Amino acid sequence: MYHLAAMAIVMIVTMANCTKEDDLSLSENPFPPGIDYRKDAVSGVEVGQRLMAAGEYELALDSFTRAALDEGMTAEILTGIGTANLGLGRLGQAEPLLRRAVAEAPDWPEAWNNLGVLLMEKGELPEATQVFQKAYALDNGESDSIRDNLRIALAKSENVVNTEPKQEEFKLVQRGQGDFVIRKTP
């Protein structure tokens, strides 16, 4: 009985201390805050590049496609869609997109580099080497990843004496903005 009386006193004192003035931090509206429409949305191209860096090629493809609706089929979007298809192993779909990107932006080294990655994946070493040389020249030798890709292509083309097919797995790895490198998978 004593226990119940003590609990009742504690509850009464607690309730007496709860006044409307103490509850200033809560608003009268029980719903969460709305969306701030004043801010600009993040570019679909930027979202696509982030998804590519995370290895989410299917989602990146969707993002680049949505960006194409807003911005049109720019060389950057063509390269993004082509590279996402390359990451998904869809070489036949990636090639015309990357070739169109280098035709529309012939001075953009990243587009040439990504076309070279595609050609390496297809096993077209002579053309891949030429494409990497073009990308390296356009970049003035400043990109380590383009230099590494060129080095791999040259090394592979020099080792044509070995007639036994060697199965090597390569992985598409993003370096910076839309710039990719071929690396052996462990």
C-alpha atoms as a PDB file:
ATOM      1  CA  MET A   1       0.000   0.000   0.000  1.00  0.00           C
ATOM      2  CA  TYR A   2       2.826   2.343   0.910  1.00  0.00           C
ATOM      3  CA  HIS A   3       4.391   1.568  -2.463  1.00  0.00           C
ATOM      4  CA  LEU A   4       1.274   2.597  -4.397  1.00  0.00           C
ATOM      5  CA  ALA A   5       0.946   5.831  -2.433  1.00  0.00           C
ATOM      6  CA  ALA A   6       4.577   6.744  -3.183  1.00  0.00           C
ATOM      7  CA  MET A   7       4.068   6.080  -6.903  1.00  0.00           C
ATOM      8  CA  ALA A   8       0.914   8.221  -6.912  1.00  0.00           C
ATOM      9  CA  ILE A   9       2.771  11.144  -5.289  1.00  0.00           C
ATOM     10  CA  VAL A  10       5.633  10.868  -7.817  1.00  0.00           C
ATOM     11  CA  MET A  11       3.137  10.863 -10.706  1.00  0.00           C
ATOM     12  CA  ILE A  12       1.286  13.902  -9.336  1.00  0.00           C
ATOM     13  CA  VAL A  13       4.522  15.874  -8.865  1.00  0.00           C
ATOM     14  CA  THR A  14       5.710  14.855 -12.344  1.00  0.00           C
ATOM     15  CA  MET A  15       2.421  15.860 -13.944  1.00  0.00           C
ATOM     16  CA  ALA A  16       2.446  19.187 -12.111  1.00  0.00           C
ATOM     17  CA  ASN A  17       5.883  19.960 -13.536  1.00  0.00           C
ATOM     18  CA  CYS A  18       4.734  19.323 -17.113  1.00  0.00           C
ATOM     19  CA  THR A  19       3.326  22.597 -18.298  1.00  0.00           C
ATOM     20  CA  LYS A  20       2.689  23.979 -21.764  1.00  0.00           C
ATOM     21  CA  GLU A  21       5.666  26.345 -21.425  1.00  0.00           C
ATOM     22  CA  ASP A  22       8.101  23.423 -21.057  1.00  0.00           C
ATOM     23  CA  ASP A  23       7.011  21.937 -24.403  1.00  0.00           C
ATOM     24  CA  LEU A  24       8.324  24.733 -26.642  1.00  0.00           C
ATOM     25  CA  SER A  25      10.412  22.413 -28.826  1.00  0.00           C
ATOM     26  CA  LEU A  26       7.396  20.556 -30.244  1.00  0.00           C
ATOM     27  CA  SER A  27       5.276  22.150 -32.933  1.00  0.00           C
ATOM     28  CA  GLU A  28       1.527  21.904 -33.122  1.00  0.00           C
ATOM     29  CA  ASN A  29       1.775  20.059 -36.458  1.00  0.00           C
ATOM     30  CA  PRO A  30       2.131  16.288 -35.978  1.00  0.00           C
ATOM     31  CA  PHE A  31       3.423  15.744 -39.557  1.00  0.00           C
ATOM     32  CA  PRO A  32       7.076  15.713 -40.674  1.00  0.00           C
ATOM     33  CA  PRO A  33       8.435  18.762 -42.511  1.00  0.00           C
ATOM     34  CA  GLY A  34       7.805  18.961 -46.227  1.00  0.00           C
ATOM     35  CA  ILE A  35      10.207  19.001 -49.167  1.00  0.00           C
ATOM     36  CA  ASP A  36      12.235  22.135 -49.818  1.00  0.00           C
ATOM     37  CA  TYR A  37      11.441  22.835 -53.476  1.00  0.00           C
ATOM     38  CA  ARG A  38      13.675  25.912 -53.560  1.00  0.00           C
ATOM     39  CA  LYS A  39      16.842  23.819 -53.890  1.00  0.00           C
ATOM     40  CA  ASP A  40      18.061  22.648 -57.271  1.00  0.00           C
ATOM     41  CA  ALA A  41      18.108  18.917 -57.919  1.00  0.00           C
ATOM     42  CA  VAL A  42      21.433  17.159 -58.408  1.00  0.00           C
ATOM     43  CA  SER A  43      22.278  16.644 -62.064  1.00  0.00           C
ATOM     44  CA  GLY A  44      21.388  13.226 -63.463  1.00  0.00           C
ATOM     45  CA  VAL A  45      24.887  13.049 -64.956  1.00  0.00           C
ATOM     46  CA  GLU A  46      26.456  13.590 -61.533  1.00  0.00           C
ATOM     47  CA  VAL A  47      24.199  10.949 -59.984  1.00  0.00           C
ATOM     48  CA  GLY A  48      25.095   8.554 -62.802  1.00  0.00           C
ATOM     49  CA  GLN A  49      28.816   9.127 -62.239  1.00  0.00           C
ATOM     50  CA  ARG A  50      28.429   8.471 -58.519  1.00  0.00           C
ATOM     51  CA  LEU A  51      26.543   5.261 -59.242  1.00  0.00           C
ATOM     52  CA  MET A  52      29.243   4.193 -61.715  1.00  0.00           C
ATOM     53  CA  ALA A  53      31.868   4.741 -59.027  1.00  0.00           C
ATOM     54  CA  ALA A  54      29.816   2.516 -56.717  1.00  0.00           C
ATOM     55  CA  GLY A  55      29.597  -0.216 -59.375  1.00  0.00           C
ATOM     56  CA  GLU A  56      25.830   0.220 -59.769  1.00  0.00           C
ATOM     57  CA  TYR A  57      25.831   0.167 -63.569  1.00  0.00           C
ATOM     58  CA  GLU A  58      22.122  -0.574 -64.057  1.00  0.00           C
ATOM     59  CA  LEU A  59      21.089   2.340 -61.816  1.00  0.00           C
ATOM     60  CA  ALA A  60      23.691   4.568 -63.497  1.00  0.00           C
ATOM     61  CA  LEU A  61      22.212   3.663 -66.878  1.00  0.00           C
ATOM     62  CA  ASP A  62      18.777   4.753 -65.639  1.00  0.00           C
ATOM     63  CA  SER A  63      20.206   8.006 -64.278  1.00  0.00           C
ATOM     64  CA  PHE A  64      22.030   8.853 -67.522  1.00  0.00           C
ATOM     65  CA  THR A  65      18.870   8.054 -69.502  1.00  0.00           C
ATOM     66  CA  ARG A  66      16.823  10.438 -67.331  1.00  0.00           C
ATOM     67  CA  ALA A  67      19.530  13.088 -67.726  1.00  0.00           C
ATOM     68  CA  ALA A  68      19.271  12.687 -71.511  1.00  0.00           C
ATOM     69  CA  LEU A  69      15.604  13.684 -71.296  1.00  0.00           C
ATOM     70  CA  ASP A  70      16.588  16.968 -69.614  1.00  0.00           C
ATOM     71  CA  GLU A  71      19.861  17.785 -71.386  1.00  0.00           C
ATOM     72  CA  GLY A  72      19.708  15.865 -74.650  1.00  0.00           C
ATOM     73  CA  MET A  73      22.213  13.285 -75.866  1.00  0.00           C
ATOM     74  CA  THR A  74      25.417  15.167 -75.106  1.00  0.00           C
ATOM     75  CA  ALA A  75      28.821  13.550 -75.495  1.00  0.00           C
ATOM     76  CA  GLU A  76      29.056  13.208 -71.704  1.00  0.00           C
ATOM     77  CA  ILE A  77      25.715  11.409 -71.505  1.00  0.00           C
ATOM     78  CA  LEU A  78      26.585   9.186 -74.489  1.00  0.00           C
ATOM     79  CA  THR A  79      29.849   8.270 -72.784  1.00  0.00           C
ATOM     80  CA  GLY A  80      28.046   7.596 -69.508  1.00  0.00           C
ATOM     81  CA  ILE A  81      25.421   5.358 -71.102  1.00  0.00           C
ATOM     82  CA  GLY A  82      28.056   3.563 -73.165  1.00  0.00           C
ATOM     83  CA  THR A  83      30.314   3.028 -70.161  1.00  0.00           C
ATOM     84  CA  ALA A  84      27.407   1.777 -68.018  1.00  0.00           C
ATOM     85  CA  ASN A  85      26.590  -0.737 -70.753  1.00  0.00           C
ATOM     86  CA  LEU A  86      30.258  -1.709 -70.858  1.00  0.00           C
ATOM     87  CA  GLY A  87      30.197  -2.274 -67.097  1.00  0.00           C
ATOM     88  CA  LEU A  88      27.166  -4.523 -67.566  1.00  0.00           C
ATOM     89  CA  GLY A  89      29.013  -6.511 -70.248  1.00  0.00           C
ATOM     90  CA  ARG A  90      26.783  -5.225 -73.065  1.00  0.00           C
ATOM     91  CA  LEU A  91      29.605  -4.556 -75.507  1.00  0.00           C
ATOM     92  CA  GLY A  92      27.354  -4.480 -78.578  1.00  0.00           C
ATOM     93  CA  GLN A  93      25.204  -1.738 -77.067  1.00  0.00           C
ATOM     94  CA  ALA A  94      28.147   0.216 -75.681  1.00  0.00           C
ATOM     95  CA  GLU A  95      30.209   0.455 -78.880  1.00  0.00           C
ATOM     96  CA  PRO A  96      27.929   2.644 -81.033  1.00  0.00           C
ATOM     97  CA  LEU A  97      27.322   4.998 -78.102  1.00  0.00           C
ATOM     98  CA  LEU A  98      31.020   5.436 -77.369  1.00  0.00           C
ATOM     99  CA  ARG A  99      31.868   5.860 -81.061  1.00  0.00           C
ATOM    100  CA  ARG A 100      29.152   8.513 -81.338  1.00  0.00           C
ATOM    101  CA  ALA A 101      30.533  10.256 -78.234  1.00  0.00           C
ATOM    102  CA  VAL A 102      34.040  10.515 -79.711  1.00  0.00           C
ATOM    103  CA  ALA A 103      32.548  11.749 -82.995  1.00  0.00           C
ATOM    104  CA  GLU A 104      30.645  14.511 -81.165  1.00  0.00           C
ATOM    105  CA  ALA A 105      33.537  15.436 -78.852  1.00  0.00           C
ATOM    106  CA  PRO A 106      36.728  14.520 -80.713  1.00  0.00           C
ATOM    107  CA  ASP A 107      38.907  16.489 -78.269  1.00  0.00           C
ATOM    108  CA  TRP A 108      37.617  14.818 -75.090  1.00  0.00           C
ATOM    109  CA  PRO A 109      40.230  12.287 -73.868  1.00  0.00           C
ATOM    110  CA  GLU A 110      37.893  10.490 -71.433  1.00  0.00           C
ATOM    111  CA  ALA A 111      35.545   9.477 -74.249  1.00  0.00           C
ATOM    112  CA  TRP A 112      38.485   8.125 -76.277  1.00  0.00           C
ATOM    113  CA  ASN A 113      39.776   6.283 -73.213  1.00  0.00           C
ATOM    114  CA  ASN A 114      36.435   4.589 -72.584  1.00  0.00           C
ATOM    115  CA  LEU A 115      36.220   3.554 -76.239  1.00  0.00           C
ATOM    116  CA  GLY A 116      39.695   2.045 -75.835  1.00  0.00           C
ATOM    117  CA  VAL A 117      38.525   0.089 -72.782  1.00  0.00           C
ATOM    118  CA  LEU A 118      35.652  -1.301 -74.861  1.00  0.00           C
ATOM    119  CA  LEU A 119      37.994  -2.305 -77.689  1.00  0.00           C
ATOM    120  CA  MET A 120      40.304  -4.034 -75.198  1.00  0.00           C
ATOM    121  CA  GLU A 121      37.354  -5.980 -73.838  1.00  0.00           C
ATOM    122  CA  LYS A 122      36.461  -7.019 -77.392  1.00  0.00           C
ATOM    123  CA  GLY A 123      40.049  -8.109 -78.032  1.00  0.00           C
ATOM    124  CA  GLU A 124      40.675  -5.552 -80.790  1.00  0.00           C
ATOM    125  CA  LEU A 125      44.199  -4.694 -79.634  1.00  0.00           C
ATOM    126  CA  PRO A 126      45.529  -2.694 -82.633  1.00  0.00           C
ATOM    127  CA  GLU A 127      42.570  -0.300 -82.676  1.00  0.00           C
ATOM    128  CA  ALA A 128      42.511  -0.111 -78.855  1.00  0.00           C
ATOM    129  CA  THR A 129      46.192   0.870 -78.864  1.00  0.00           C
ATOM    130  CA  GLN A 130      45.538   3.629 -81.413  1.00  0.00           C
ATOM    131  CA  VAL A 131      42.558   4.898 -79.436  1.00  0.00           C
ATOM    132  CA  PHE A 132      44.561   4.982 -76.188  1.00  0.00           C
ATOM    133  CA  GLN A 133      47.391   6.811 -77.984  1.00  0.00           C
ATOM    134  CA  LYS A 134      44.866   9.397 -79.199  1.00  0.00           C
ATOM    135  CA  ALA A 135      43.431   9.766 -75.664  1.00  0.00           C
ATOM    136  CA  TYR A 136      46.922  10.073 -74.187  1.00  0.00           C
ATOM    137  CA  ALA A 137      47.881  12.739 -76.731  1.00  0.00           C
ATOM    138  CA  LEU A 138      44.685  14.726 -76.143  1.00  0.00           C
ATOM    139  CA  ASP A 139      45.304  14.554 -72.396  1.00  0.00           C
ATOM    140  CA  ASN A 140      48.936  15.699 -72.819  1.00  0.00           C
ATOM    141  CA  GLY A 141      50.017  12.694 -70.768  1.00  0.00           C
ATOM    142  CA  GLU A 142      48.496  14.121 -67.574  1.00  0.00           C
ATOM    143  CA  SER A 143      46.175  11.216 -66.727  1.00  0.00           C
ATOM    144  CA  ASP A 144      47.750   8.251 -65.005  1.00  0.00           C
ATOM    145  CA  SER A 145      44.797   6.028 -65.848  1.00  0.00           C
ATOM    146  CA  ILE A 146      44.993   6.721 -69.593  1.00  0.00           C
ATOM    147  CA  ARG A 147      48.748   6.096 -69.483  1.00  0.00           C
ATOM    148  CA  ASP A 148      48.155   2.800 -67.626  1.00  0.00           C
ATOM    149  CA  ASN A 149      45.556   1.744 -70.197  1.00  0.00           C
ATOM    150  CA  LEU A 150      47.954   2.565 -73.038  1.00  0.00           C
ATOM    151  CA  ARG A 151      50.725   0.625 -71.298  1.00  0.00           C
ATOM    152  CA  ILE A 152      48.467  -2.443 -70.932  1.00  0.00           C
ATOM    153  CA  ALA A 153      47.382  -2.255 -74.579  1.00  0.00           C
ATOM    154  CA  LEU A 154      50.986  -1.957 -75.783  1.00  0.00           C
ATOM    155  CA  ALA A 155      52.117  -4.843 -73.575  1.00  0.00           C
ATOM    156  CA  LYS A 156      49.307  -7.054 -74.834  1.00  0.00           C
ATOM    157  CA  SER A 157      50.001  -6.198 -78.469  1.00  0.00           C
ATOM    158  CA  GLU A 158      53.737  -6.972 -78.039  1.00  0.00           C
ATOM    159  CA  ASN A 159      52.969 -10.425 -76.636  1.00  0.00           C
ATOM    160  CA  VAL A 160      51.207 -11.715 -79.748  1.00  0.00           C
ATOM    161  CA  VAL A 161      53.834 -14.494 -80.092  1.00  0.00           C
ATOM    162  CA  ASN A 162      51.998 -16.472 -77.453  1.00  0.00           C
ATOM    163  CA  THR A 163      49.307 -18.259 -79.461  1.00  0.00           C
ATOM    164  CA  GLU A 164      47.620 -19.978 -76.529  1.00  0.00           C
ATOM    165  CA  PRO A 165      44.512 -18.116 -75.447  1.00  0.00           C
ATOM    166  CA  LYS A 166      44.850 -16.845 -71.923  1.00  0.00           C
ATOM    167  CA  GLN A 167      41.615 -16.084 -70.114  1.00  0.00           C
ATOM    168  CA  GLU A 168      42.008 -12.893 -68.092  1.00  0.00           C
ATOM    169  CA  GLU A 169      39.224 -11.097 -66.298  1.00  0.00           C
ATOM    170  CA  PHE A 170      39.318  -7.304 -66.301  1.00  0.00           C
ATOM    171  CA  LYS A 171      37.290  -4.928 -64.208  1.00  0.00           C
ATOM    172  CA  LEU A 172      36.116  -1.433 -65.066  1.00  0.00           C
ATOM    173  CA  VAL A 173      37.344   1.008 -62.404  1.00  0.00           C
ATOM    174  CA  GLN A 174      36.415   4.695 -62.339  1.00  0.00           C
ATOM    175  CA  ARG A 175      39.104   7.307 -61.900  1.00  0.00           C
ATOM    176  CA  GLY A 176      37.737  10.842 -61.495  1.00  0.00           C
ATOM    177  CA  GLN A 177      35.032  12.139 -63.801  1.00  0.00           C
ATOM    178  CA  GLY A 178      34.066   9.517 -66.387  1.00  0.00           C
ATOM    179  CA  ASP A 179      37.609   8.181 -66.713  1.00  0.00           C
ATOM    180  CA  PHE A 180      38.111   4.410 -66.460  1.00  0.00           C
ATOM    181  CA  VAL A 181      40.984   1.947 -66.172  1.00  0.00           C
ATOM    182  CA  ILE A 182      41.212  -1.749 -66.964  1.00  0.00           C
ATOM    183  CA  ARG A 183      42.478  -3.749 -63.995  1.00  0.00           C
ATOM    184  CA  LYS A 184      42.861  -7.502 -63.546  1.00  0.00           C
ATOM    185  CA  THR A 185      40.412  -8.903 -61.037  1.00  0.00           C
ATOM    186  CA  PRO A 186      41.951 -10.901 -58.202  1.00  0.00           C
END
